[in-house]
Every structure is written in structure tokens, then in C-alpha cells.
Amino acid sequence: MKIPEYASSALFDDRERLALEYADRITFTDQDVSDEFFDCLKQVFNDDELVELTATIAWENCSSKFNRAFRIESQELWSCTREQPDDD
């Protein structure tokens, strides 16, 4: 599965989809975190969770840019541990 398919994937619950949309809105310059969207986030995540989520997204964006500039390849440290549900 490609991550752009998160919105329709059964691998993610609604809370995870919201966090991934937030990451998209922070990451892509053609998107925005509107006041309305942030209000939706605050209904699902508490203040501490929002700070941690935002910091993690920002760090990953920074790290990605840094690594790309220095041609640092992925260390393959992440692996998906969830199994994809059967389509039966």
C-alpha cells in the first residue's frame, strides 16, 4: 500500500487518518491547516498530543530535506507490522 491511499485504507482508523491528513497539510505547500481543520484536530487530540504530533511531523520534514541534500539513503529501520486485512 502506498501512503497516499491512507484515506481509503482499512489499515488506518479515523484518528490515524486525521493525523495523516494533518501531516499532509503541514508538509505540502499547496495545502493549509485551516482554523476549521485545527478545530477538528482539537476534538480528537489533546494539547500534549497535538504538540507531539506537530513536532514529529516537523522533525520528519526537516530530516527528509536534510537527508536528501546530503544524499543519505534510508536505513530501512521502519517496517510495517500490521497485516493487511483480507478482502473476503
N, C-alpha and C. Protein backbone atom coordinates (compact mmCIF):
# COMPACT_ATOMS: atom_id res chain seq x y z
N MET A 1 0.84 -1.18 0.00
CA MET A 1 0.00 0.00 0.00
C MET A 1 0.88 1.24 0.00
N LYS A 2 0.53 2.20 -0.80
CA LYS A 2 1.20 3.49 -0.80
C LYS A 2 0.50 4.39 0.21
N ILE A 3 1.28 5.22 0.87
CA ILE A 3 0.71 6.08 1.91
C ILE A 3 -0.38 7.01 1.37
N PRO A 4 -0.33 7.48 0.10
CA PRO A 4 -1.42 8.34 -0.36
C PRO A 4 -2.80 7.66 -0.31
N GLU A 5 -2.82 6.37 -0.15
CA GLU A 5 -4.08 5.63 -0.09
C GLU A 5 -4.63 5.54 1.34
N TYR A 6 -4.03 6.25 2.28
CA TYR A 6 -4.44 6.14 3.68
C TYR A 6 -5.92 6.48 3.89
N ALA A 7 -6.43 7.40 3.10
CA ALA A 7 -7.81 7.88 3.31
C ALA A 7 -8.84 6.78 3.07
N SER A 8 -8.49 5.81 2.26
CA SER A 8 -9.45 4.75 1.95
C SER A 8 -9.00 3.37 2.45
N SER A 9 -7.88 3.31 3.13
CA SER A 9 -7.33 2.03 3.58
C SER A 9 -7.96 1.58 4.89
N ALA A 10 -8.21 0.29 4.98
CA ALA A 10 -8.71 -0.30 6.22
C ALA A 10 -7.60 -0.46 7.26
N LEU A 11 -6.37 -0.17 6.88
CA LEU A 11 -5.25 -0.29 7.82
C LEU A 11 -5.23 0.83 8.85
N PHE A 12 -5.96 1.92 8.58
CA PHE A 12 -5.94 3.08 9.47
C PHE A 12 -7.34 3.35 10.02
N ASP A 13 -7.39 3.74 11.28
CA ASP A 13 -8.68 4.14 11.85
C ASP A 13 -8.87 5.64 11.61
N ASP A 14 -10.01 6.18 12.03
CA ASP A 14 -10.32 7.58 11.76
C ASP A 14 -9.31 8.53 12.40
N ARG A 15 -8.86 8.22 13.59
CA ARG A 15 -7.89 9.06 14.29
C ARG A 15 -6.56 9.09 13.53
N GLU A 16 -6.13 7.93 13.07
CA GLU A 16 -4.88 7.85 12.31
C GLU A 16 -5.01 8.58 10.97
N ARG A 17 -6.16 8.45 10.32
CA ARG A 17 -6.38 9.16 9.06
C ARG A 17 -6.31 10.67 9.26
N LEU A 18 -6.87 11.15 10.37
CA LEU A 18 -6.83 12.57 10.67
C LEU A 18 -5.39 13.03 10.89
N ALA A 19 -4.61 12.25 11.60
CA ALA A 19 -3.19 12.59 11.83
C ALA A 19 -2.43 12.60 10.51
N LEU A 20 -2.71 11.66 9.63
CA LEU A 20 -2.03 11.62 8.33
C LEU A 20 -2.45 12.79 7.45
N GLU A 21 -3.72 13.17 7.51
CA GLU A 21 -4.15 14.35 6.77
C GLU A 21 -3.46 15.59 7.32
N TYR A 22 -3.32 15.68 8.61
CA TYR A 22 -2.60 16.79 9.24
C TYR A 22 -1.16 16.85 8.73
N ALA A 23 -0.52 15.69 8.67
CA ALA A 23 0.85 15.63 8.14
C ALA A 23 0.89 16.13 6.70
N ASP A 24 -0.06 15.72 5.89
CA ASP A 24 -0.12 16.21 4.51
C ASP A 24 -0.27 17.72 4.48
N ARG A 25 -1.17 18.24 5.30
CA ARG A 25 -1.45 19.68 5.29
C ARG A 25 -0.23 20.49 5.77
N ILE A 26 0.55 19.95 6.67
CA ILE A 26 1.77 20.62 7.12
C ILE A 26 2.87 20.50 6.07
N THR A 27 2.95 19.36 5.44
CA THR A 27 4.06 19.04 4.55
C THR A 27 3.96 19.69 3.17
N PHE A 28 2.78 19.63 2.57
CA PHE A 28 2.63 20.09 1.19
C PHE A 28 2.29 21.58 1.15
N THR A 29 3.05 22.34 0.38
CA THR A 29 2.89 23.79 0.36
C THR A 29 1.58 24.23 -0.27
N ASP A 30 0.95 23.37 -1.05
CA ASP A 30 -0.32 23.74 -1.66
C ASP A 30 -1.51 23.45 -0.74
N GLN A 31 -1.23 23.03 0.49
CA GLN A 31 -2.29 22.75 1.45
C GLN A 31 -2.11 23.66 2.68
N ASP A 32 -3.15 23.72 3.50
CA ASP A 32 -3.11 24.58 4.67
C ASP A 32 -3.80 23.90 5.84
N VAL A 33 -3.38 24.25 7.03
CA VAL A 33 -4.07 23.82 8.24
C VAL A 33 -5.01 24.96 8.60
N SER A 34 -6.22 24.87 8.10
CA SER A 34 -7.22 25.92 8.35
C SER A 34 -7.65 25.89 9.82
N ASP A 35 -8.27 26.97 10.24
CA ASP A 35 -8.81 27.02 11.60
C ASP A 35 -9.83 25.92 11.82
N GLU A 36 -10.65 25.67 10.81
CA GLU A 36 -11.68 24.62 10.90
C GLU A 36 -11.05 23.25 11.07
N PHE A 37 -10.00 22.98 10.28
CA PHE A 37 -9.34 21.68 10.40
C PHE A 37 -8.67 21.54 11.76
N PHE A 38 -8.03 22.61 12.24
CA PHE A 38 -7.39 22.55 13.55
C PHE A 38 -8.41 22.32 14.65
N ASP A 39 -9.61 22.89 14.50
CA ASP A 39 -10.68 22.64 15.47
C ASP A 39 -11.06 21.16 15.48
N CYS A 40 -11.07 20.52 14.30
CA CYS A 40 -11.33 19.08 14.22
C CYS A 40 -10.25 18.29 14.95
N LEU A 41 -9.01 18.70 14.76
CA LEU A 41 -7.90 18.04 15.44
C LEU A 41 -8.06 18.13 16.95
N LYS A 42 -8.45 19.32 17.44
CA LYS A 42 -8.58 19.53 18.89
C LYS A 42 -9.73 18.72 19.49
N GLN A 43 -10.65 18.27 18.68
CA GLN A 43 -11.73 17.42 19.18
C GLN A 43 -11.25 15.98 19.37
N VAL A 44 -10.15 15.62 18.71
CA VAL A 44 -9.66 14.24 18.74
C VAL A 44 -8.37 14.10 19.56
N PHE A 45 -7.52 15.11 19.50
CA PHE A 45 -6.23 15.08 20.19
C PHE A 45 -6.19 16.15 21.28
N ASN A 46 -5.60 15.81 22.43
CA ASN A 46 -5.43 16.81 23.48
C ASN A 46 -4.21 17.69 23.14
N ASP A 47 -3.98 18.73 23.95
CA ASP A 47 -2.90 19.68 23.66
C ASP A 47 -1.54 19.00 23.59
N ASP A 48 -1.25 18.13 24.54
CA ASP A 48 0.05 17.44 24.54
C ASP A 48 0.22 16.58 23.29
N GLU A 49 -0.83 15.89 22.90
CA GLU A 49 -0.77 15.05 21.70
C GLU A 49 -0.56 15.90 20.45
N LEU A 50 -1.22 17.05 20.38
CA LEU A 50 -1.05 17.93 19.22
C LEU A 50 0.38 18.48 19.13
N VAL A 51 0.95 18.84 20.26
CA VAL A 51 2.33 19.32 20.27
C VAL A 51 3.26 18.21 19.80
N GLU A 52 3.09 17.01 20.34
CA GLU A 52 3.95 15.89 19.96
C GLU A 52 3.77 15.53 18.48
N LEU A 53 2.54 15.49 18.03
CA LEU A 53 2.26 15.15 16.63
C LEU A 53 2.88 16.20 15.70
N THR A 54 2.69 17.47 16.02
CA THR A 54 3.22 18.55 15.20
C THR A 54 4.75 18.53 15.18
N ALA A 55 5.36 18.32 16.34
CA ALA A 55 6.82 18.26 16.42
C ALA A 55 7.37 17.09 15.62
N THR A 56 6.70 15.95 15.69
CA THR A 56 7.15 14.77 14.96
C THR A 56 7.06 15.00 13.46
N ILE A 57 5.96 15.57 13.00
CA ILE A 57 5.79 15.85 11.58
C ILE A 57 6.86 16.84 11.12
N ALA A 58 7.06 17.91 11.89
CA ALA A 58 8.05 18.92 11.53
C ALA A 58 9.45 18.32 11.49
N TRP A 59 9.77 17.48 12.48
CA TRP A 59 11.08 16.83 12.51
C TRP A 59 11.28 15.94 11.29
N GLU A 60 10.29 15.16 10.95
CA GLU A 60 10.40 14.27 9.79
C GLU A 60 10.57 15.06 8.50
N ASN A 61 9.88 16.19 8.39
CA ASN A 61 10.05 17.04 7.21
C ASN A 61 11.47 17.60 7.15
N CYS A 62 11.97 18.08 8.28
CA CYS A 62 13.33 18.61 8.34
C CYS A 62 14.35 17.52 8.02
N SER A 63 14.19 16.38 8.63
CA SER A 63 15.10 15.26 8.42
C SER A 63 15.10 14.82 6.96
N SER A 64 13.94 14.78 6.35
CA SER A 64 13.83 14.39 4.95
C SER A 64 14.60 15.35 4.05
N LYS A 65 14.44 16.64 4.27
CA LYS A 65 15.15 17.65 3.47
C LYS A 65 16.66 17.57 3.69
N PHE A 66 17.08 17.41 4.93
CA PHE A 66 18.49 17.30 5.27
C PHE A 66 19.10 16.07 4.59
N ASN A 67 18.44 14.92 4.75
CA ASN A 67 18.96 13.69 4.17
C ASN A 67 19.02 13.75 2.65
N ARG A 68 18.02 14.36 2.04
CA ARG A 68 18.01 14.47 0.59
C ARG A 68 19.18 15.33 0.12
N ALA A 69 19.43 16.43 0.79
CA ALA A 69 20.52 17.32 0.40
C ALA A 69 21.89 16.62 0.47
N PHE A 70 22.07 15.77 1.47
CA PHE A 70 23.33 15.07 1.65
C PHE A 70 23.34 13.67 1.03
N ARG A 71 22.26 13.35 0.31
CA ARG A 71 22.15 12.05 -0.38
C ARG A 71 22.27 10.88 0.60
N ILE A 72 21.68 11.05 1.76
CA ILE A 72 21.69 9.99 2.76
C ILE A 72 20.51 9.07 2.47
N GLU A 73 20.80 7.82 2.22
CA GLU A 73 19.78 6.83 1.89
C GLU A 73 19.06 6.35 3.15
N SER A 74 17.87 5.82 2.96
CA SER A 74 17.10 5.25 4.06
C SER A 74 17.90 4.12 4.72
N GLN A 75 17.79 4.06 6.03
CA GLN A 75 18.45 2.99 6.78
C GLN A 75 17.54 1.77 6.95
N GLU A 76 16.33 1.85 6.36
CA GLU A 76 15.38 0.73 6.40
C GLU A 76 15.06 0.32 7.84
N LEU A 77 14.95 1.29 8.75
CA LEU A 77 14.68 0.99 10.14
C LEU A 77 13.20 0.75 10.43
N TRP A 78 12.34 1.20 9.52
CA TRP A 78 10.91 1.07 9.71
C TRP A 78 10.40 -0.12 8.91
N SER A 79 9.51 -0.88 9.51
CA SER A 79 8.84 -1.93 8.76
C SER A 79 7.40 -2.00 9.25
N CYS A 80 6.51 -2.29 8.34
CA CYS A 80 5.09 -2.37 8.69
C CYS A 80 4.84 -3.64 9.47
N THR A 81 4.25 -3.51 10.65
CA THR A 81 3.99 -4.68 11.47
C THR A 81 2.54 -5.13 11.40
N ARG A 82 1.71 -4.27 10.81
CA ARG A 82 0.30 -4.64 10.69
C ARG A 82 0.10 -5.49 9.45
N GLU A 83 -0.78 -6.43 9.58
CA GLU A 83 -1.12 -7.23 8.41
C GLU A 83 -2.31 -6.59 7.72
N GLN A 84 -2.28 -6.62 6.41
CA GLN A 84 -3.37 -6.06 5.65
C GLN A 84 -4.59 -6.99 5.79
N PRO A 85 -5.79 -6.43 6.04
CA PRO A 85 -6.98 -7.26 6.20
C PRO A 85 -7.33 -7.98 4.90
N ASP A 86 -7.92 -9.14 5.09
CA ASP A 86 -8.38 -9.90 3.92
C ASP A 86 -9.54 -9.18 3.28
N ASP A 87 -9.64 -9.28 1.96
CA ASP A 87 -10.75 -8.66 1.22
C ASP A 87 -11.95 -9.60 1.07
N ASP A 88 -11.96 -10.66 1.87
CA ASP A 88 -13.06 -11.65 1.75
C ASP A 88 -14.39 -11.05 2.11
